[in-house]
Amino acid sequence: MYLITRWFGTFLYDENGIKEKILFPKNIKSISSKMLLIKNGEILSEEKKISRSIKDLIVNEKRLNELGKYNPNDSFFKKFEINSDEFGFSNDLLQKATMIVTEKKMEEELSSEDLQIIHMINILDDFIQISNLLSERLENWSLISAPKEKILPLKNTISTINLETKSLEKQIENEMEKIAPNITNLVGSLISARLISLSGGIKNLAMLPSSTIQVLGAEKALFRFKKEGGKPPKHGVIFQHAYINKSNKNVRGKIARTFAAKISIAAKADAFTKRDISEDLKKNLECRIKKIKNE
């Protein structure tokens, strides 16, 4: 027996055709909610109900492998077509439901926690850049013995930006402890936030090879190496961590590789398993770094 789900219903087939079906309600709200559940990899209640007493069930979607044997290459799935209009479901209904699904997915992406972190770290960098620029202006202005009342507005602006910078850093720290506790405990909130920003999200970071994580933030140097030759960069933003920048130059490359490998494991835990393995990772990392330094 074969289980096939389309946007308008779920069907049980055998070699002779449809044996049982459950059609979804013919309204946009219901159809779009079913489509969203499917997109999110969830099993529909209708699918559970229709397959409850079926043995040797074969499915063609990975999300349904709890209900039956996942075999998308079975030739049966290429034989039969299920047309929505045969069951009274119009293409207009599909188009309207698809628009709702697209809007919902966009809202989810725009409100995702790691996307908020990306915006926060970008704003933090803007604050730092503006503060540095204004501080340089203030220093140059002060050299010509300007009256205090003229300099005061600039001083107050710099002070306000610095206060907001510290406040934003604290917000990032609090958010990172919630959404990426493993990476945060391993490398600190700001470095981990920058890694997430550079990779475009926690899941993206988790999917990167450790060799790429190692040089995130050193893209310009990497491009220059590929174009002009010379020495490739050994580390990117992770250089900001004391494990690397306070070590001797001759071992920084090895430490960076080891560090990146642990960050990769931490990112996978934060993105997928949600298990807190940070303490074990940290102990293992510190032990490995000690060995590298004593080699």
C-alpha atoms as a PDB file:
ATOM      1  CA  MET A   1       0.000   0.000   0.000  1.00  0.00           C
ATOM      2  CA  TYR A   2       1.192   3.515  -0.838  1.00  0.00           C
ATOM      3  CA  LEU A   3       0.540   6.797   0.970  1.00  0.00           C
ATOM      4  CA  ILE A   4       0.525   9.944  -1.177  1.00  0.00           C
ATOM      5  CA  THR A   5      -0.328  13.441   0.058  1.00  0.00           C
ATOM      6  CA  ARG A   6      -1.140  16.391  -2.151  1.00  0.00           C
ATOM      7  CA  TRP A   7      -2.105  19.960  -1.226  1.00  0.00           C
ATOM      8  CA  PHE A   8      -5.802  19.044  -1.281  1.00  0.00           C
ATOM      9  CA  GLY A   9      -5.802  15.667   0.498  1.00  0.00           C
ATOM     10  CA  THR A  10      -4.060  12.429   1.453  1.00  0.00           C
ATOM     11  CA  PHE A  11      -4.565   9.151  -0.411  1.00  0.00           C
ATOM     12  CA  LEU A  12      -3.990   5.412   0.046  1.00  0.00           C
ATOM     13  CA  TYR A  13      -3.184   3.615  -3.198  1.00  0.00           C
ATOM     14  CA  ASP A  14      -2.504   0.108  -4.328  1.00  0.00           C
ATOM     15  CA  GLU A  15      -1.797  -1.199  -7.827  1.00  0.00           C
ATOM     16  CA  ASN A  16      -5.501  -0.895  -8.697  1.00  0.00           C
ATOM     17  CA  GLY A  17      -5.934   2.744  -7.700  1.00  0.00           C
ATOM     18  CA  ILE A  18      -7.257   4.747  -4.740  1.00  0.00           C
ATOM     19  CA  LYS A  19      -8.330   2.583  -1.797  1.00  0.00           C
ATOM     20  CA  GLU A  20      -9.062   5.405   0.665  1.00  0.00           C
ATOM     21  CA  LYS A  21      -8.831   9.184   0.775  1.00  0.00           C
ATOM     22  CA  ILE A  22      -9.216  12.105   3.150  1.00  0.00           C
ATOM     23  CA  LEU A  23      -9.797  15.428   1.396  1.00  0.00           C
ATOM     24  CA  PHE A  24      -8.921  18.678   3.154  1.00  0.00           C
ATOM     25  CA  PRO A  25     -11.584  21.364   3.747  1.00  0.00           C
ATOM     26  CA  LYS A  26     -12.067  23.571   0.664  1.00  0.00           C
ATOM     27  CA  ASN A  27     -10.987  26.866   2.174  1.00  0.00           C
ATOM     28  CA  ILE A  28      -7.795  28.906   1.869  1.00  0.00           C
ATOM     29  CA  LYS A  29      -7.052  29.039   5.607  1.00  0.00           C
ATOM     30  CA  SER A  30      -7.246  25.276   6.061  1.00  0.00           C
ATOM     31  CA  ILE A  31      -5.300  24.469   2.869  1.00  0.00           C
ATOM     32  CA  SER A  32      -2.521  26.958   3.723  1.00  0.00           C
ATOM     33  CA  SER A  33      -2.192  25.616   7.277  1.00  0.00           C
ATOM     34  CA  LYS A  34      -1.807  22.055   5.923  1.00  0.00           C
ATOM     35  CA  MET A  35       0.802  23.245   3.413  1.00  0.00           C
ATOM     36  CA  LEU A  36       2.756  25.009   6.180  1.00  0.00           C
ATOM     37  CA  LEU A  37       2.784  21.879   8.335  1.00  0.00           C
ATOM     38  CA  ILE A  38       4.074  19.855   5.375  1.00  0.00           C
ATOM     39  CA  LYS A  39       6.765  22.463   4.621  1.00  0.00           C
ATOM     40  CA  ASN A  40       7.880  22.283   8.254  1.00  0.00           C
ATOM     41  CA  GLY A  41       8.269  18.517   7.970  1.00  0.00           C
ATOM     42  CA  GLU A  42       5.338  17.585  10.211  1.00  0.00           C
ATOM     43  CA  ILE A  43       2.985  14.636   9.809  1.00  0.00           C
ATOM     44  CA  LEU A  44      -0.670  15.609   9.312  1.00  0.00           C
ATOM     45  CA  SER A  45      -3.395  14.159  11.537  1.00  0.00           C
ATOM     46  CA  GLU A  46      -5.132  12.976   8.351  1.00  0.00           C
ATOM     47  CA  GLU A  47      -2.025  11.026   7.340  1.00  0.00           C
ATOM     48  CA  LYS A  48      -1.834   9.345  10.752  1.00  0.00           C
ATOM     49  CA  LYS A  49      -5.516   8.465  10.634  1.00  0.00           C
ATOM     50  CA  ILE A  50      -5.571   7.019   7.116  1.00  0.00           C
ATOM     51  CA  SER A  51      -2.476   4.869   7.667  1.00  0.00           C
ATOM     52  CA  ARG A  52      -3.233   3.711  11.210  1.00  0.00           C
ATOM     53  CA  SER A  53      -3.989   0.050  10.472  1.00  0.00           C
ATOM     54  CA  ILE A  54      -1.891  -0.352   7.325  1.00  0.00           C
ATOM     55  CA  LYS A  55       1.077  -2.725   7.302  1.00  0.00           C
ATOM     56  CA  ASP A  56       3.906  -2.584   4.742  1.00  0.00           C
ATOM     57  CA  LEU A  57       3.100   1.027   3.876  1.00  0.00           C
ATOM     58  CA  ILE A  58       5.441   2.775   1.417  1.00  0.00           C
ATOM     59  CA  VAL A  59       5.858   6.572   1.423  1.00  0.00           C
ATOM     60  CA  ASN A  60       7.655   8.998  -0.895  1.00  0.00           C
ATOM     61  CA  GLU A  61       8.348  11.801   1.618  1.00  0.00           C
ATOM     62  CA  LYS A  62      11.036  11.643   4.278  1.00  0.00           C
ATOM     63  CA  ARG A  63       8.816  13.366   6.846  1.00  0.00           C
ATOM     64  CA  LEU A  64       6.475  10.335   6.629  1.00  0.00           C
ATOM     65  CA  ASN A  65       9.079   7.673   7.407  1.00  0.00           C
ATOM     66  CA  GLU A  66       7.478   7.104  10.832  1.00  0.00           C
ATOM     67  CA  LEU A  67       4.345   5.869   9.057  1.00  0.00           C
ATOM     68  CA  GLY A  68       5.982   3.573   6.527  1.00  0.00           C
ATOM     69  CA  LYS A  69       9.029   2.653   4.506  1.00  0.00           C
ATOM     70  CA  TYR A  70      10.592   5.671   2.793  1.00  0.00           C
ATOM     71  CA  ASN A  71      11.188   4.731  -0.843  1.00  0.00           C
ATOM     72  CA  PRO A  72      10.750   7.729  -3.201  1.00  0.00           C
ATOM     73  CA  ASN A  73      12.287   5.805  -6.102  1.00  0.00           C
ATOM     74  CA  ASP A  74       9.553   3.158  -6.140  1.00  0.00           C
ATOM     75  CA  SER A  75       8.264   3.033  -9.715  1.00  0.00           C
ATOM     76  CA  PHE A  76       4.671   3.151  -8.447  1.00  0.00           C
ATOM     77  CA  PHE A  77       4.933   6.848  -7.575  1.00  0.00           C
ATOM     78  CA  LYS A  78       5.632   7.641 -11.237  1.00  0.00           C
ATOM     79  CA  LYS A  79       2.616   5.740 -12.530  1.00  0.00           C
ATOM     80  CA  PHE A  80      -0.281   7.566 -10.938  1.00  0.00           C
ATOM     81  CA  GLU A  81      -1.249  11.204 -11.145  1.00  0.00           C
ATOM     82  CA  ILE A  82      -3.736  12.839  -8.794  1.00  0.00           C
ATOM     83  CA  ASN A  83      -5.469  15.833 -10.334  1.00  0.00           C
ATOM     84  CA  SER A  84      -6.989  18.348  -7.950  1.00  0.00           C
ATOM     85  CA  ASP A  85      -9.828  19.310 -10.291  1.00  0.00           C
ATOM     86  CA  GLU A  86     -11.143  15.728 -10.189  1.00  0.00           C
ATOM     87  CA  PHE A  87     -11.964  16.331  -6.534  1.00  0.00           C
ATOM     88  CA  GLY A  88     -13.325  19.855  -6.928  1.00  0.00           C
ATOM     89  CA  PHE A  89     -10.207  21.811  -5.899  1.00  0.00           C
ATOM     90  CA  SER A  90      -9.376  24.722  -8.223  1.00  0.00           C
ATOM     91  CA  ASN A  91      -5.963  26.128  -9.144  1.00  0.00           C
ATOM     92  CA  ASP A  92      -7.189  29.506  -7.859  1.00  0.00           C
ATOM     93  CA  LEU A  93      -7.513  27.984  -4.379  1.00  0.00           C
ATOM     94  CA  LEU A  94      -3.967  26.621  -4.635  1.00  0.00           C
ATOM     95  CA  GLN A  95      -2.546  29.979  -5.744  1.00  0.00           C
ATOM     96  CA  LYS A  96      -4.204  31.891  -2.894  1.00  0.00           C
ATOM     97  CA  ALA A  97      -3.109  29.314  -0.316  1.00  0.00           C
ATOM     98  CA  THR A  98       0.447  29.357  -1.704  1.00  0.00           C
ATOM     99  CA  MET A  99       0.572  33.152  -1.313  1.00  0.00           C
ATOM    100  CA  ILE A 100      -0.406  32.841   2.356  1.00  0.00           C
ATOM    101  CA  VAL A 101       2.226  30.144   2.912  1.00  0.00           C
ATOM    102  CA  THR A 102       4.912  32.297   1.275  1.00  0.00           C
ATOM    103  CA  GLU A 103       3.982  35.298   3.432  1.00  0.00           C
ATOM    104  CA  LYS A 104       3.996  33.174   6.605  1.00  0.00           C
ATOM    105  CA  LYS A 105       7.405  31.685   5.811  1.00  0.00           C
ATOM    106  CA  MET A 106       8.817  35.149   5.158  1.00  0.00           C
ATOM    107  CA  GLU A 107       7.426  36.377   8.498  1.00  0.00           C
ATOM    108  CA  GLU A 108       9.026  33.396  10.258  1.00  0.00           C
ATOM    109  CA  GLU A 109      12.377  34.111   8.652  1.00  0.00           C
ATOM    110  CA  LEU A 110      12.228  37.840   9.409  1.00  0.00           C
ATOM    111  CA  SER A 111      11.381  37.205  13.064  1.00  0.00           C
ATOM    112  CA  SER A 112      13.837  34.348  13.583  1.00  0.00           C
ATOM    113  CA  GLU A 113      16.124  34.786  16.559  1.00  0.00           C
ATOM    114  CA  ASP A 114      19.365  34.391  14.682  1.00  0.00           C
ATOM    115  CA  LEU A 115      18.271  37.000  12.133  1.00  0.00           C
ATOM    116  CA  GLN A 116      17.703  39.410  15.017  1.00  0.00           C
ATOM    117  CA  ILE A 117      21.234  38.647  16.190  1.00  0.00           C
ATOM    118  CA  ILE A 118      22.591  39.448  12.713  1.00  0.00           C
ATOM    119  CA  HIS A 119      20.926  42.868  12.783  1.00  0.00           C
ATOM    120  CA  MET A 120      22.090  43.528  16.342  1.00  0.00           C
ATOM    121  CA  ILE A 121      25.732  42.717  15.576  1.00  0.00           C
ATOM    122  CA  ASN A 122      25.590  44.881  12.439  1.00  0.00           C
ATOM    123  CA  ILE A 123      24.243  47.810  14.472  1.00  0.00           C
ATOM    124  CA  LEU A 124      26.908  47.206  17.123  1.00  0.00           C
ATOM    125  CA  ASP A 125      29.614  47.445  14.462  1.00  0.00           C
ATOM    126  CA  ASP A 126      28.040  50.679  13.200  1.00  0.00           C
ATOM    127  CA  PHE A 127      28.084  52.112  16.737  1.00  0.00           C
ATOM    128  CA  ILE A 128      31.754  51.200  17.157  1.00  0.00           C
ATOM    129  CA  GLN A 129      32.686  52.671  13.783  1.00  0.00           C
ATOM    130  CA  ILE A 130      30.794  55.929  14.453  1.00  0.00           C
ATOM    131  CA  SER A 131      32.283  56.233  17.950  1.00  0.00           C
ATOM    132  CA  ASN A 132      35.816  55.752  16.602  1.00  0.00           C
ATOM    133  CA  LEU A 133      35.234  58.322  13.866  1.00  0.00           C
ATOM    134  CA  LEU A 134      33.771  60.929  16.241  1.00  0.00           C
ATOM    135  CA  SER A 135      36.528  60.300  18.812  1.00  0.00           C
ATOM    136  CA  GLU A 136      39.102  60.985  16.119  1.00  0.00           C
ATOM    137  CA  ARG A 137      37.276  64.206  15.181  1.00  0.00           C
ATOM    138  CA  LEU A 138      37.178  65.237  18.835  1.00  0.00           C
ATOM    139  CA  GLU A 139      40.874  64.592  19.273  1.00  0.00           C
ATOM    140  CA  ASN A 140      41.748  66.694  16.199  1.00  0.00           C
ATOM    141  CA  TRP A 141      39.406  69.474  17.310  1.00  0.00           C
ATOM    142  CA  SER A 142      40.905  69.534  20.788  1.00  0.00           C
ATOM    143  CA  LEU A 143      44.358  70.241  19.335  1.00  0.00           C
ATOM    144  CA  ILE A 144      43.318  73.773  18.350  1.00  0.00           C
ATOM    145  CA  SER A 145      42.172  74.775  21.854  1.00  0.00           C
ATOM    146  CA  ALA A 146      38.485  75.044  20.999  1.00  0.00           C
ATOM    147  CA  PRO A 147      36.093  76.412  23.678  1.00  0.00           C
ATOM    148  CA  LYS A 148      34.558  73.706  25.893  1.00  0.00           C
ATOM    149  CA  GLU A 149      30.987  74.719  25.076  1.00  0.00           C
ATOM    150  CA  LYS A 150      31.633  74.053  21.379  1.00  0.00           C
ATOM    151  CA  ILE A 151      33.158  70.618  21.991  1.00  0.00           C
ATOM    152  CA  LEU A 152      30.573  69.561  24.587  1.00  0.00           C
ATOM    153  CA  PRO A 153      27.825  68.430  22.130  1.00  0.00           C
ATOM    154  CA  LEU A 154      30.320  66.124  20.394  1.00  0.00           C
ATOM    155  CA  LYS A 155      31.528  64.733  23.731  1.00  0.00           C
ATOM    156  CA  ASN A 156      27.935  64.105  24.799  1.00  0.00           C
ATOM    157  CA  THR A 157      27.186  62.333  21.485  1.00  0.00           C
ATOM    158  CA  ILE A 158      30.219  60.045  21.875  1.00  0.00           C
ATOM    159  CA  SER A 159      29.247  59.300  25.484  1.00  0.00           C
ATOM    160  CA  THR A 160      25.685  58.411  24.441  1.00  0.00           C
ATOM    161  CA  ILE A 161      26.895  56.125  21.647  1.00  0.00           C
ATOM    162  CA  ASN A 162      29.316  54.366  24.023  1.00  0.00           C
ATOM    163  CA  LEU A 163      26.525  53.808  26.568  1.00  0.00           C
ATOM    164  CA  GLU A 164      24.238  52.398  23.855  1.00  0.00           C
ATOM    165  CA  THR A 165      27.087  50.185  22.640  1.00  0.00           C
ATOM    166  CA  LYS A 166      27.476  48.636  26.095  1.00  0.00           C
ATOM    167  CA  SER A 167      23.713  48.192  26.384  1.00  0.00           C
ATOM    168  CA  LEU A 168      23.549  46.478  22.984  1.00  0.00           C
ATOM    169  CA  GLU A 169      26.473  44.215  23.885  1.00  0.00           C
ATOM    170  CA  LYS A 170      24.539  43.110  26.981  1.00  0.00           C
ATOM    171  CA  GLN A 171      21.432  42.435  24.885  1.00  0.00           C
ATOM    172  CA  ILE A 172      23.471  40.342  22.464  1.00  0.00           C
ATOM    173  CA  GLU A 173      24.997  38.422  25.370  1.00  0.00           C
ATOM    174  CA  ASN A 174      21.544  37.627  26.809  1.00  0.00           C
ATOM    175  CA  GLU A 175      20.138  36.593  23.420  1.00  0.00           C
ATOM    176  CA  MET A 176      23.124  34.425  22.540  1.00  0.00           C
ATOM    177  CA  GLU A 177      22.897  32.520  25.821  1.00  0.00           C
ATOM    178  CA  LYS A 178      19.326  31.597  24.881  1.00  0.00           C
ATOM    179  CA  ILE A 179      19.645  30.740  21.188  1.00  0.00           C
ATOM    180  CA  ALA A 180      23.212  29.406  20.992  1.00  0.00           C
ATOM    181  CA  PRO A 181      24.409  28.391  24.476  1.00  0.00           C
ATOM    182  CA  ASN A 182      27.045  25.938  23.235  1.00  0.00           C
ATOM    183  CA  ILE A 183      28.828  28.339  20.883  1.00  0.00           C
ATOM    184  CA  THR A 184      28.485  31.191  23.402  1.00  0.00           C
ATOM    185  CA  ASN A 185      30.013  29.208  26.263  1.00  0.00           C
ATOM    186  CA  LEU A 186      32.834  28.125  23.992  1.00  0.00           C
ATOM    187  CA  VAL A 187      33.845  31.412  22.332  1.00  0.00           C
ATOM    188  CA  GLY A 188      31.897  34.173  24.077  1.00  0.00           C
ATOM    189  CA  SER A 189      28.751  36.029  23.042  1.00  0.00           C
ATOM    190  CA  LEU A 190      30.236  38.620  20.679  1.00  0.00           C
ATOM    191  CA  ILE A 191      32.483  36.269  18.699  1.00  0.00           C
ATOM    192  CA  SER A 192      29.705  33.687  18.398  1.00  0.00           C
ATOM    193  CA  ALA A 193      27.262  36.413  17.275  1.00  0.00           C
ATOM    194  CA  ARG A 194      29.757  37.541  14.629  1.00  0.00           C
ATOM    195  CA  LEU A 195      30.156  33.941  13.406  1.00  0.00           C
ATOM    196  CA  ILE A 196      26.380  33.616  13.080  1.00  0.00           C
ATOM    197  CA  SER A 197      26.214  36.964  11.268  1.00  0.00           C
ATOM    198  CA  LEU A 198      29.027  36.074   8.848  1.00  0.00           C
ATOM    199  CA  SER A 199      27.485  32.700   7.999  1.00  0.00           C
ATOM    200  CA  GLY A 200      23.904  33.984   7.733  1.00  0.00           C
ATOM    201  CA  GLY A 201      22.368  32.043  10.638  1.00  0.00           C
ATOM    202  CA  ILE A 202      22.944  29.238  13.154  1.00  0.00           C
ATOM    203  CA  LYS A 203      21.912  26.469  10.770  1.00  0.00           C
ATOM    204  CA  ASN A 204      24.152  27.848   8.047  1.00  0.00           C
ATOM    205  CA  LEU A 205      27.052  27.956  10.511  1.00  0.00           C
ATOM    206  CA  ALA A 206      26.334  24.378  11.589  1.00  0.00           C
ATOM    207  CA  MET A 207      26.502  23.180   7.979  1.00  0.00           C
ATOM    208  CA  LEU A 208      29.859  24.824   7.229  1.00  0.00           C
ATOM    209  CA  PRO A 209      33.057  22.744   7.305  1.00  0.00           C
ATOM    210  CA  SER A 210      35.378  23.663  10.173  1.00  0.00           C
ATOM    211  CA  SER A 211      37.993  24.875   7.675  1.00  0.00           C
ATOM    212  CA  THR A 212      35.546  27.567   6.541  1.00  0.00           C
ATOM    213  CA  ILE A 213      34.580  28.498  10.109  1.00  0.00           C
ATOM    214  CA  GLN A 214      38.283  28.935  10.843  1.00  0.00           C
ATOM    215  CA  VAL A 215      38.626  31.797   8.320  1.00  0.00           C
ATOM    216  CA  LEU A 216      35.170  33.432   8.612  1.00  0.00           C
ATOM    217  CA  GLY A 217      35.804  37.156   8.676  1.00  0.00           C
ATOM    218  CA  ALA A 218      39.038  36.891   6.687  1.00  0.00           C
ATOM    219  CA  GLU A 219      37.364  36.826   3.283  1.00  0.00           C
ATOM    220  CA  LYS A 220      39.385  39.754   1.908  1.00  0.00           C
ATOM    221  CA  ALA A 221      42.675  38.122   2.885  1.00  0.00           C
ATOM    222  CA  LEU A 222      41.505  34.801   1.433  1.00  0.00           C
ATOM    223  CA  PHE A 223      40.502  36.436  -1.850  1.00  0.00           C
ATOM    224  CA  ARG A 224      43.844  38.238  -2.006  1.00  0.00           C
ATOM    225  CA  PHE A 225      45.678  34.950  -1.414  1.00  0.00           C
ATOM    226  CA  LYS A 226      43.745  33.231  -4.219  1.00  0.00           C
ATOM    227  CA  LYS A 227      44.363  36.128  -6.587  1.00  0.00           C
ATOM    228  CA  GLU A 228      47.949  37.107  -5.751  1.00  0.00           C
ATOM    229  CA  GLY A 229      49.372  34.099  -3.900  1.00  0.00           C
ATOM    230  CA  GLY A 230      51.411  34.365  -0.718  1.00  0.00           C
ATOM    231  CA  LYS A 231      50.295  32.936   2.600  1.00  0.00           C
ATOM    232  CA  PRO A 232      46.639  32.020   3.164  1.00  0.00           C
ATOM    233  CA  PRO A 233      44.911  33.399   6.303  1.00  0.00           C
ATOM    234  CA  LYS A 234      45.044  31.050   9.289  1.00  0.00           C
ATOM    235  CA  HIS A 235      42.107  32.558  11.142  1.00  0.00           C
ATOM    236  CA  GLY A 236      39.305  35.072  10.837  1.00  0.00           C
ATOM    237  CA  VAL A 237      37.083  36.492  13.558  1.00  0.00           C
ATOM    238  CA  ILE A 238      38.049  33.707  15.997  1.00  0.00           C
ATOM    239  CA  PHE A 239      41.449  35.410  16.289  1.00  0.00           C
ATOM    240  CA  GLN A 240      39.721  37.802  18.721  1.00  0.00           C
ATOM    241  CA  HIS A 241      39.617  34.996  21.302  1.00  0.00           C
ATOM    242  CA  ALA A 242      42.424  34.808  23.852  1.00  0.00           C
ATOM    243  CA  TYR A 243      43.001  31.123  23.013  1.00  0.00           C
ATOM    244  CA  ILE A 244      44.497  32.323  19.724  1.00  0.00           C
ATOM    245  CA  ASN A 245      45.654  35.933  20.025  1.00  0.00           C
ATOM    246  CA  LYS A 246      47.515  35.298  23.306  1.00  0.00           C
ATOM    247  CA  SER A 247      49.295  32.204  21.965  1.00  0.00           C
ATOM    248  CA  ASN A 248      52.651  32.160  20.190  1.00  0.00           C
ATOM    249  CA  LYS A 249      52.466  32.807  16.459  1.00  0.00           C
ATOM    250  CA  ASN A 250      53.960  29.409  15.601  1.00  0.00           C
ATOM    251  CA  VAL A 251      50.993  27.523  17.143  1.00  0.00           C
ATOM    252  CA  ARG A 252      48.106  29.872  16.298  1.00  0.00           C
ATOM    253  CA  GLY A 253      47.248  27.996  13.085  1.00  0.00           C
ATOM    254  CA  LYS A 254      46.940  24.625  14.863  1.00  0.00           C
ATOM    255  CA  ILE A 255      44.926  26.148  17.700  1.00  0.00           C
ATOM    256  CA  ALA A 256      42.631  27.899  15.199  1.00  0.00           C
ATOM    257  CA  ARG A 257      41.958  24.577  13.408  1.00  0.00           C
ATOM    258  CA  THR A 258      41.164  22.827  16.675  1.00  0.00           C
ATOM    259  CA  PHE A 259      39.035  25.746  17.847  1.00  0.00           C
ATOM    260  CA  ALA A 260      37.040  25.824  14.592  1.00  0.00           C
ATOM    261  CA  ALA A 261      36.370  22.073  14.810  1.00  0.00           C
ATOM    262  CA  LYS A 262      34.869  22.484  18.297  1.00  0.00           C
ATOM    263  CA  ILE A 263      32.822  25.495  17.172  1.00  0.00           C
ATOM    264  CA  SER A 264      31.407  23.350  14.352  1.00  0.00           C
ATOM    265  CA  ILE A 265      30.281  20.690  16.849  1.00  0.00           C
ATOM    266  CA  ALA A 266      28.831  23.361  19.170  1.00  0.00           C
ATOM    267  CA  ALA A 267      26.906  24.949  16.276  1.00  0.00           C
ATOM    268  CA  LYS A 268      25.383  21.587  15.294  1.00  0.00           C
ATOM    269  CA  ALA A 269      24.243  21.045  18.888  1.00  0.00           C
ATOM    270  CA  ASP A 270      22.653  24.511  19.027  1.00  0.00           C
ATOM    271  CA  ALA A 271      21.003  24.205  15.624  1.00  0.00           C
ATOM    272  CA  PHE A 272      19.755  20.615  15.720  1.00  0.00           C
ATOM    273  CA  THR A 273      19.990  18.558  18.932  1.00  0.00           C
ATOM    274  CA  LYS A 274      19.577  21.478  21.413  1.00  0.00           C
ATOM    275  CA  ARG A 275      21.762  19.552  23.896  1.00  0.00           C
ATOM    276  CA  ASP A 276      24.155  21.482  26.136  1.00  0.00           C
ATOM    277  CA  ILE A 277      27.551  19.910  25.493  1.00  0.00           C
ATOM    278  CA  SER A 278      29.563  23.095  25.987  1.00  0.00           C
ATOM    279  CA  GLU A 279      31.397  22.065  29.161  1.00  0.00           C
ATOM    280  CA  ASP A 280      32.672  18.830  27.628  1.00  0.00           C
ATOM    281  CA  LEU A 281      33.702  20.688  24.467  1.00  0.00           C
ATOM    282  CA  LYS A 282      35.486  23.343  26.483  1.00  0.00           C
ATOM    283  CA  LYS A 283      37.430  20.825  28.585  1.00  0.00           C
ATOM    284  CA  ASN A 284      38.384  18.849  25.495  1.00  0.00           C
ATOM    285  CA  LEU A 285      39.459  22.035  23.686  1.00  0.00           C
ATOM    286  CA  GLU A 286      41.585  23.291  26.584  1.00  0.00           C
ATOM    287  CA  CYS A 287      43.264  19.892  26.882  1.00  0.00           C
ATOM    288  CA  ARG A 288      44.045  19.853  23.158  1.00  0.00           C
ATOM    289  CA  ILE A 289      45.411  23.422  23.224  1.00  0.00           C
ATOM    290  CA  LYS A 290      47.697  22.522  26.119  1.00  0.00           C
ATOM    291  CA  LYS A 291      49.068  19.595  24.115  1.00  0.00           C
ATOM    292  CA  ILE A 292      49.621  21.806  21.045  1.00  0.00           C
ATOM    293  CA  LYS A 293      51.575  24.326  23.120  1.00  0.00           C
ATOM    294  CA  ASN A 294      53.759  21.582  24.625  1.00  0.00           C
ATOM    295  CA  GLU A 295      54.549  19.855  21.317  1.00  0.00           C
END
